Amino acid sequence: MTKDRKRKRAIRAVQESTGQRYTQASKCVSPPEPGPDGWTFRLSDLLHECATLPPAPAAEAGTNHYDPGPEVFQSHVLGAAVPYATVLELAGALAKEAHPAQLTLESLTPYEQAVVVCGERRIALDLNWSGVQELCRRVGCDTPPYYTPLVVCDEHLRQCDVRSLVWMTRDCGYAVGQEEDPARLESLPESDLLVQAAVEIGAYTEVVQAWLDTCFAPLNEIDDMLWDEDRALAMRHSVERERLRLDRVARKEGLRLRKEAGTCKACDHELHPGWDLLSHPLYCSRACTPLPAPLPPLPVPF
């Protein structure tokens, strides 16, 4: 908040010299320009402004000439006009972090959008209308994750390390695996997206197993989880059908990647069709294949 304090001192100096009110004097002092890492403030600071500052004049409410738009206030924390509703939605999105949450302003386009960072989460604030949206956690990416349990967009999903992709697969599997009928869990688009990313980074086996164990159930635990013999049998059939289907998805993706690459990622030799198409389609031999990283233990889903 160092930059914000400097601005407040400058506003008070204008007040003393002109006799203007604080809100009027603040318009004479330009907000600080964000540095490469933005600046940090607390959620409670923004909520305090939302609760105490009066609505800004219509000229500061945005650029939509066909609709008056939402009611806004001139935020000294963000250095822009912010809709009251947007701040309230941000507070709801960060309810678990509570008021002491530390936010960093990553980017700001007045009257359009501000991107704030809380921990690893990147959240876009709509300044033209109202609302918030989770963005991909890769800095500078304005694309939201297509599926809620995933924390990166489709493009950056393929750039994750094995550990991160397995964790996201487990979270996604636990999130969707609440159906009574296991057949409804087959052929979900989330599983295809995760497996295609897994093939590219060499994590096919780990990701498929994580998906089946969380979205359905581990095969060795089905009888203990489902006492009804018919339901247990239906679950086993669904798991095996999904395993075979994901195998087909992975082989198709491996062939596509190998055709596009043409040569080994490590030694630049021509890629042969027979070597480890599922887990390592971009390498020509075991010698060129990187060693797998150790995986985290399976988390408890509560």
Foldseek 3Di string as FASTA:
>chain_A
DVQLVVLQVQLVVQCVVPVDDSLVSSVVGQQDDADQFADKDWLLLVVVCLVPFDFDDQVQQADDPVDSAATWGQDSVVRETAHSQQSVQVCVVCVVVPGRFMKGFNDDDHRAWTWIDTPQWIKIAGRVHGYIATAASPPPGRHRDPDVLDRHHLVCLLVDALQNLLVSLLSVLQVQQPDLQLLVVAPDPVLLSSQLSQQNNQNNVSSLVSNLCRSQRPLVCLCVVDVDPVSSVSSVVSSVVRVVVSVVSQLVSLVVVLVVLQAAPQPRHGADPPPPSRRGSRHRDPVRDDDGDDYDDRDDSD
